[in-house]
PDB file of N, CA and C in Angstrom:
ATOM      1  N   MET A   1       0.871  -1.235   0.032  1.00  0.00           N
ATOM      2  CA  MET A   1      -0.005  -0.024  -0.020  1.00  0.00           C
ATOM      3  C   MET A   1       0.883   1.181   0.039  1.00  0.00           C
ATOM      4  N   VAL A   2       0.519   2.238  -0.782  1.00  0.00           N
ATOM      5  CA  VAL A   2       1.230   3.468  -0.955  1.00  0.00           C
ATOM      6  C   VAL A   2       0.966   4.269   0.360  1.00  0.00           C
ATOM      7  N   ARG A   3       1.864   4.910   0.854  1.00  0.00           N
ATOM      8  CA  ARG A   3       1.679   5.689   2.098  1.00  0.00           C
ATOM      9  C   ARG A   3       1.353   7.165   1.848  1.00  0.00           C
ATOM     10  N   LEU A   4       0.150   7.383   1.224  1.00  0.00           N
ATOM     11  CA  LEU A   4      -0.323   8.680   0.880  1.00  0.00           C
ATOM     12  C   LEU A   4      -0.983   9.222   2.078  1.00  0.00           C
ATOM     13  N   PRO A   5      -0.986  10.526   2.335  1.00  0.00           N
ATOM     14  CA  PRO A   5      -1.660  11.161   3.446  1.00  0.00           C
ATOM     15  C   PRO A   5      -2.967  10.618   3.768  1.00  0.00           C
ATOM     16  N   GLN A   6      -3.878  10.501   2.659  1.00  0.00           N
ATOM     17  CA  GLN A   6      -5.221  10.016   2.889  1.00  0.00           C
ATOM     18  C   GLN A   6      -5.243   8.471   3.389  1.00  0.00           C
ATOM     19  N   ASN A   7      -4.268   7.777   2.934  1.00  0.00           N
ATOM     20  CA  ASN A   7      -4.245   6.392   3.451  1.00  0.00           C
ATOM     21  C   ASN A   7      -3.819   6.275   4.862  1.00  0.00           C
ATOM     22  N   VAL A   8      -2.932   7.128   5.259  1.00  0.00           N
ATOM     23  CA  VAL A   8      -2.502   7.138   6.704  1.00  0.00           C
ATOM     24  C   VAL A   8      -3.560   7.569   7.579  1.00  0.00           C
ATOM     25  N   ILE A   9      -4.344   8.679   7.163  1.00  0.00           N
ATOM     26  CA  ILE A   9      -5.498   9.101   7.954  1.00  0.00           C
ATOM     27  C   ILE A   9      -6.521   8.007   8.127  1.00  0.00           C
ATOM     28  N   GLN A  10      -6.858   7.305   6.921  1.00  0.00           N
ATOM     29  CA  GLN A  10      -7.803   6.284   6.855  1.00  0.00           C
ATOM     30  C   GLN A  10      -7.440   5.166   7.832  1.00  0.00           C
ATOM     31  N   PHE A  11      -6.108   4.766   7.823  1.00  0.00           N
ATOM     32  CA  PHE A  11      -5.579   3.722   8.750  1.00  0.00           C
ATOM     33  C   PHE A  11      -5.720   4.088  10.160  1.00  0.00           C
ATOM     34  N   LEU A  12      -5.198   5.171  10.492  1.00  0.00           N
ATOM     35  CA  LEU A  12      -5.167   5.689  11.921  1.00  0.00           C
ATOM     36  C   LEU A  12      -6.502   6.001  12.541  1.00  0.00           C
ATOM     37  N   ALA A  13      -7.392   6.492  11.761  1.00  0.00           N
ATOM     38  CA  ALA A  13      -8.693   6.893  12.212  1.00  0.00           C
ATOM     39  C   ALA A  13      -9.742   5.911  12.194  1.00  0.00           C
ATOM     40  N   PHE A  14      -9.850   5.184  10.961  1.00  0.00           N
ATOM     41  CA  PHE A  14     -11.076   4.427  10.568  1.00  0.00           C
ATOM     42  C   PHE A  14     -10.810   2.924  10.374  1.00  0.00           C
ATOM     43  N   ASP A  15      -9.586   2.445  10.464  1.00  0.00           N
ATOM     44  CA  ASP A  15      -9.344   1.024  10.161  1.00  0.00           C
ATOM     45  C   ASP A  15      -9.801   0.130  11.430  1.00  0.00           C
ATOM     46  N   SER A  16     -10.811  -0.558  11.175  1.00  0.00           N
ATOM     47  CA  SER A  16     -11.404  -1.358  12.373  1.00  0.00           C
ATOM     48  C   SER A  16     -10.517  -2.615  12.592  1.00  0.00           C
ATOM     49  N   LYS A  17      -9.620  -3.007  11.662  1.00  0.00           N
ATOM     50  CA  LYS A  17      -8.752  -4.031  11.925  1.00  0.00           C
ATOM     51  C   LYS A  17      -7.445  -3.644  12.767  1.00  0.00           C
ATOM     52  N   TYR A  18      -7.182  -2.384  12.676  1.00  0.00           N
ATOM     53  CA  TYR A  18      -6.141  -1.883  13.469  1.00  0.00           C
ATOM     54  C   TYR A  18      -6.582  -1.482  14.860  1.00  0.00           C
ATOM     55  N   PRO A  19      -6.145  -2.244  15.943  1.00  0.00           N
ATOM     56  CA  PRO A  19      -6.679  -2.043  17.345  1.00  0.00           C
ATOM     57  C   PRO A  19      -6.482  -0.815  17.947  1.00  0.00           C
ATOM     58  N   HIS A  20      -5.590   0.121  17.398  1.00  0.00           N
ATOM     59  CA  HIS A  20      -5.336   1.411  17.977  1.00  0.00           C
ATOM     60  C   HIS A  20      -5.914   2.607  17.227  1.00  0.00           C
ATOM     61  N   SER A  21      -6.677   2.269  16.185  1.00  0.00           N
ATOM     62  CA  SER A  21      -7.348   3.334  15.442  1.00  0.00           C
ATOM     63  C   SER A  21      -8.366   3.981  16.201  1.00  0.00           C
ATOM     64  N   ILE A  22      -8.781   5.230  15.888  1.00  0.00           N
ATOM     65  CA  ILE A  22      -9.850   5.999  16.669  1.00  0.00           C
ATOM     66  C   ILE A  22     -11.109   5.057  16.684  1.00  0.00           C
ATOM     67  N   LEU A  23     -11.430   4.483  15.602  1.00  0.00           N
ATOM     68  CA  LEU A  23     -12.798   3.766  15.463  1.00  0.00           C
ATOM     69  C   LEU A  23     -12.661   2.578  16.344  1.00  0.00           C
ATOM     70  N   SER A  24     -11.454   1.868  16.401  1.00  0.00           N
ATOM     71  CA  SER A  24     -11.417   0.612  17.245  1.00  0.00           C
ATOM     72  C   SER A  24     -11.510   0.926  18.688  1.00  0.00           C
ATOM     73  N   CYS A  25     -10.766   2.071  19.127  1.00  0.00           N
ATOM     74  CA  CYS A  25     -10.766   2.377  20.483  1.00  0.00           C
ATOM     75  C   CYS A  25     -12.118   2.943  20.913  1.00  0.00           C
ATOM     76  N   LEU A  26     -12.763   3.606  20.071  1.00  0.00           N
ATOM     77  CA  LEU A  26     -14.100   3.951  20.409  1.00  0.00           C
ATOM     78  C   LEU A  26     -15.113   2.850  20.475  1.00  0.00           C
ATOM     79  N   GLN A  27     -14.963   1.879  19.642  1.00  0.00           N
ATOM     80  CA  GLN A  27     -15.862   0.663  19.754  1.00  0.00           C
ATOM     81  C   GLN A  27     -15.618  -0.013  21.037  1.00  0.00           C
ATOM     82  N   SER A  28     -14.338  -0.019  21.547  1.00  0.00           N
ATOM     83  CA  SER A  28     -14.069  -0.694  22.764  1.00  0.00           C
ATOM     84  C   SER A  28     -14.645   0.115  23.895  1.00  0.00           C
ATOM     85  N   ALA A  29     -14.545   1.515  23.841  1.00  0.00           N
ATOM     86  CA  ALA A  29     -15.074   2.273  24.889  1.00  0.00           C
ATOM     87  C   ALA A  29     -16.552   2.170  24.932  1.00  0.00           C
ATOM     88  N   ARG A  30     -17.259   2.090  23.764  1.00  0.00           N
ATOM     89  CA  ARG A  30     -18.702   1.974  23.692  1.00  0.00           C
ATOM     90  C   ARG A  30     -19.101   0.595  24.423  1.00  0.00           C
ATOM     91  N   GLU A  31     -18.459  -0.458  24.012  1.00  0.00           N
ATOM     92  CA  GLU A  31     -18.750  -1.681  24.514  1.00  0.00           C
ATOM     93  C   GLU A  31     -18.611  -1.718  26.154  1.00  0.00           C
ATOM     94  N   ASN A  32     -17.408  -1.080  26.561  1.00  0.00           N
ATOM     95  CA  ASN A  32     -17.256  -1.124  28.085  1.00  0.00           C
ATOM     96  C   ASN A  32     -18.371  -0.260  28.632  1.00  0.00           C
ATOM     97  N   ALA A  33     -18.722   0.890  28.119  1.00  0.00           N
ATOM     98  CA  ALA A  33     -19.699   1.767  28.696  1.00  0.00           C
ATOM     99  C   ALA A  33     -21.040   0.974  28.724  1.00  0.00           C
ATOM    100  N   ARG A  34     -21.248   0.408  27.652  1.00  0.00           N
ATOM    101  CA  ARG A  34     -22.569  -0.432  27.578  1.00  0.00           C
ATOM    102  C   ARG A  34     -22.655  -1.473  28.705  1.00  0.00           C
ATOM    103  N   SER A  35     -21.462  -2.155  28.985  1.00  0.00           N
ATOM    104  CA  SER A  35     -21.387  -3.173  30.049  1.00  0.00           C
ATOM    105  C   SER A  35     -21.674  -2.577  31.432  1.00  0.00           C
ATOM    106  N   VAL A  36     -21.367  -1.289  31.728  1.00  0.00           N
ATOM    107  CA  VAL A  36     -21.583  -0.695  32.922  1.00  0.00           C
ATOM    108  C   VAL A  36     -22.581   0.468  32.894  1.00  0.00           C
ATOM    109  N   GLN A  37     -23.458   0.314  31.818  1.00  0.00           N
ATOM    110  CA  GLN A  37     -24.330   1.454  31.560  1.00  0.00           C
ATOM    111  C   GLN A  37     -25.145   1.843  32.773  1.00  0.00           C
ATOM    112  N   GLU A  38     -25.492   0.859  33.706  1.00  0.00           N
ATOM    113  CA  GLU A  38     -26.389   1.170  34.889  1.00  0.00           C
ATOM    114  C   GLU A  38     -25.440   1.837  35.913  1.00  0.00           C
ATOM    115  N   MET A  39     -24.150   1.926  35.848  1.00  0.00           N
ATOM    116  CA  MET A  39     -23.337   2.580  36.810  1.00  0.00           C
ATOM    117  C   MET A  39     -22.713   3.891  36.280  1.00  0.00           C
ATOM    118  N   ILE A  40     -23.016   4.332  35.122  1.00  0.00           N
ATOM    119  CA  ILE A  40     -22.475   5.566  34.664  1.00  0.00           C
ATOM    120  C   ILE A  40     -23.704   6.460  34.358  1.00  0.00           C
ATOM    121  N   SER A  41     -23.350   7.696  34.352  1.00  0.00           N
ATOM    122  CA  SER A  41     -24.555   8.655  34.098  1.00  0.00           C
ATOM    123  C   SER A  41     -25.155   8.580  32.684  1.00  0.00           C
ATOM    124  N   ARG A  42     -26.294   8.897  32.648  1.00  0.00           N
ATOM    125  CA  ARG A  42     -26.996   8.884  31.339  1.00  0.00           C
ATOM    126  C   ARG A  42     -26.308   9.809  30.361  1.00  0.00           C
ATOM    127  N   GLU A  43     -25.816  10.951  30.829  1.00  0.00           N
ATOM    128  CA  GLU A  43     -25.184  11.940  29.912  1.00  0.00           C
ATOM    129  C   GLU A  43     -23.777  11.227  29.416  1.00  0.00           C
ATOM    130  N   MET A  44     -23.025  10.527  30.198  1.00  0.00           N
ATOM    131  CA  MET A  44     -21.875   9.851  29.878  1.00  0.00           C
ATOM    132  C   MET A  44     -22.089   8.845  28.764  1.00  0.00           C
ATOM    133  N   TRP A  45     -23.149   8.052  28.998  1.00  0.00           N
ATOM    134  CA  TRP A  45     -23.460   7.069  27.962  1.00  0.00           C
ATOM    135  C   TRP A  45     -23.961   7.702  26.593  1.00  0.00           C
ATOM    136  N   GLN A  46     -24.745   8.819  26.735  1.00  0.00           N
ATOM    137  CA  GLN A  46     -25.184   9.502  25.481  1.00  0.00           C
ATOM    138  C   GLN A  46     -23.943   9.993  24.692  1.00  0.00           C
ATOM    139  N   GLN A  47     -22.968  10.612  25.498  1.00  0.00           N
ATOM    140  CA  GLN A  47     -21.787  11.224  24.837  1.00  0.00           C
ATOM    141  C   GLN A  47     -21.034  10.156  24.096  1.00  0.00           C
ATOM    142  N   VAL A  48     -20.652   9.072  24.780  1.00  0.00           N
ATOM    143  CA  VAL A  48     -20.040   8.015  24.195  1.00  0.00           C
ATOM    144  C   VAL A  48     -20.661   7.429  22.955  1.00  0.00           C
ATOM    145  N   ASN A  49     -22.015   7.225  23.073  1.00  0.00           N
ATOM    146  CA  ASN A  49     -22.723   6.713  22.014  1.00  0.00           C
ATOM    147  C   ASN A  49     -22.846   7.638  20.856  1.00  0.00           C
ATOM    148  N   SER A  50     -23.088   8.888  21.112  1.00  0.00           N
ATOM    149  CA  SER A  50     -23.180   9.932  20.082  1.00  0.00           C
ATOM    150  C   SER A  50     -21.793  10.058  19.337  1.00  0.00           C
ATOM    151  N   PHE A  51     -20.765  10.027  20.045  1.00  0.00           N
ATOM    152  CA  PHE A  51     -19.398  10.138  19.421  1.00  0.00           C
ATOM    153  C   PHE A  51     -19.158   8.908  18.625  1.00  0.00           C
ATOM    154  N   TYR A  52     -19.606   7.729  18.976  1.00  0.00           N
ATOM    155  CA  TYR A  52     -19.438   6.542  18.260  1.00  0.00           C
ATOM    156  C   TYR A  52     -20.249   6.617  16.865  1.00  0.00           C
ATOM    157  N   PHE A  53     -21.376   7.040  16.943  1.00  0.00           N
ATOM    158  CA  PHE A  53     -22.090   7.198  15.630  1.00  0.00           C
ATOM    159  C   PHE A  53     -21.683   8.288  14.848  1.00  0.00           C
ATOM    160  N   MET A  54     -21.122   9.355  15.353  1.00  0.00           N
ATOM    161  CA  MET A  54     -20.485  10.425  14.604  1.00  0.00           C
ATOM    162  C   MET A  54     -19.262   9.950  13.783  1.00  0.00           C
ATOM    163  N   VAL A  55     -18.447   9.106  14.416  1.00  0.00           N
ATOM    164  CA  VAL A  55     -17.326   8.548  13.716  1.00  0.00           C
ATOM    165  C   VAL A  55     -17.730   7.636  12.750  1.00  0.00           C
ATOM    166  N   ARG A  56     -18.726   6.722  12.974  1.00  0.00           N
ATOM    167  CA  ARG A  56     -19.184   5.780  11.994  1.00  0.00           C
ATOM    168  C   ARG A  56     -19.803   6.442  10.814  1.00  0.00           C
ATOM    169  N   LYS A  57     -20.506   7.524  11.035  1.00  0.00           N
ATOM    170  CA  LYS A  57     -21.129   8.285   9.956  1.00  0.00           C
ATOM    171  C   LYS A  57     -19.922   8.951   9.065  1.00  0.00           C
ATOM    172  N   GLN A  58     -18.887   9.400   9.720  1.00  0.00           N
ATOM    173  CA  GLN A  58     -17.653   9.877   8.942  1.00  0.00           C
ATOM    174  C   GLN A  58     -17.019   8.850   8.234  1.00  0.00           C
ATOM    175  N   LEU A  59     -16.976   7.605   8.788  1.00  0.00           N
ATOM    176  CA  LEU A  59     -16.448   6.431   8.018  1.00  0.00           C
ATOM    177  C   LEU A  59     -17.041   6.184   6.694  1.00  0.00           C
ATOM    178  N   ARG A  60     -18.433   6.360   6.738  1.00  0.00           N
ATOM    179  CA  ARG A  60     -19.187   6.197   5.474  1.00  0.00           C
ATOM    180  C   ARG A  60     -18.885   7.220   4.439  1.00  0.00           C
ATOM    181  N   ASN A  61     -18.394   8.410   4.913  1.00  0.00           N
ATOM    182  CA  ASN A  61     -18.123   9.529   3.997  1.00  0.00           C
ATOM    183  C   ASN A  61     -16.629   9.913   4.031  1.00  0.00           C
ATOM    184  N   SER A  62     -15.814   8.925   4.223  1.00  0.00           N
ATOM    185  CA  SER A  62     -14.394   9.138   4.523  1.00  0.00           C
ATOM    186  C   SER A  62     -13.564   9.500   3.429  1.00  0.00           C
ATOM    187  N   TYR A  63     -13.734  10.604   2.722  1.00  0.00           N
ATOM    188  CA  TYR A  63     -12.863  11.124   1.698  1.00  0.00           C
ATOM    189  C   TYR A  63     -11.840  11.875   2.384  1.00  0.00           C
ATOM    190  N   TYR A  64     -10.659  11.965   1.732  1.00  0.00           N
ATOM    191  CA  TYR A  64      -9.594  12.639   2.385  1.00  0.00           C
ATOM    192  C   TYR A  64      -9.842  13.978   2.950  1.00  0.00           C
ATOM    193  N   CYS A  65     -10.557  14.937   2.213  1.00  0.00           N
ATOM    194  CA  CYS A  65     -10.691  16.156   2.787  1.00  0.00           C
ATOM    195  C   CYS A  65     -11.761  16.216   4.009  1.00  0.00           C
ATOM    196  N   GLU A  66     -12.620  15.224   3.975  1.00  0.00           N
ATOM    197  CA  GLU A  66     -13.648  15.151   4.966  1.00  0.00           C
ATOM    198  C   GLU A  66     -12.972  14.502   6.194  1.00  0.00           C
ATOM    199  N   ALA A  67     -12.045  13.482   5.999  1.00  0.00           N
ATOM    200  CA  ALA A  67     -11.406  12.987   7.111  1.00  0.00           C
ATOM    201  C   ALA A  67     -10.491  14.019   7.786  1.00  0.00           C
ATOM    202  N   ARG A  68      -9.772  14.833   6.982  1.00  0.00           N
ATOM    203  CA  ARG A  68      -9.031  15.923   7.762  1.00  0.00           C
ATOM    204  C   ARG A  68      -9.843  16.794   8.418  1.00  0.00           C
ATOM    205  N   SER A  69     -11.047  17.268   7.961  1.00  0.00           N
ATOM    206  CA  SER A  69     -11.956  18.102   8.693  1.00  0.00           C
ATOM    207  C   SER A  69     -12.472  17.488   9.975  1.00  0.00           C
ATOM    208  N   PHE A  70     -12.724  16.173   9.904  1.00  0.00           N
ATOM    209  CA  PHE A  70     -13.072  15.415  11.070  1.00  0.00           C
ATOM    210  C   PHE A  70     -12.067  15.467  12.189  1.00  0.00           C
ATOM    211  N   LEU A  71     -10.728  15.167  11.750  1.00  0.00           N
ATOM    212  CA  LEU A  71      -9.720  15.275  12.746  1.00  0.00           C
ATOM    213  C   LEU A  71      -9.452  16.622  13.412  1.00  0.00           C
ATOM    214  N   ARG A  72      -9.937  17.626  12.691  1.00  0.00           N
ATOM    215  CA  ARG A  72      -9.844  19.013  13.256  1.00  0.00           C
ATOM    216  C   ARG A  72     -10.906  19.372  14.318  1.00  0.00           C
ATOM    217  N   LYS A  73     -11.951  18.584  14.288  1.00  0.00           N
ATOM    218  CA  LYS A  73     -13.036  18.974  15.156  1.00  0.00           C
ATOM    219  C   LYS A  73     -12.734  18.629  16.606  1.00  0.00           C
TER     220      LYS A  73
END
């Protein structure tokens, strides 16, 4: 694979097979939060869940310029 900036961003942010990508870490955080959902605040669960869905939405639209704007947020 050629190491173009868009490929690096895609790998580090959205590669579900790479355990340290943003998406993989967020999936783990969401799973952990879900397992203790009754012990955390509703607001915390909503924030984790909302962020998870925001990242997944970005994954569906992950063109280079959009991924760069996502990382700046």
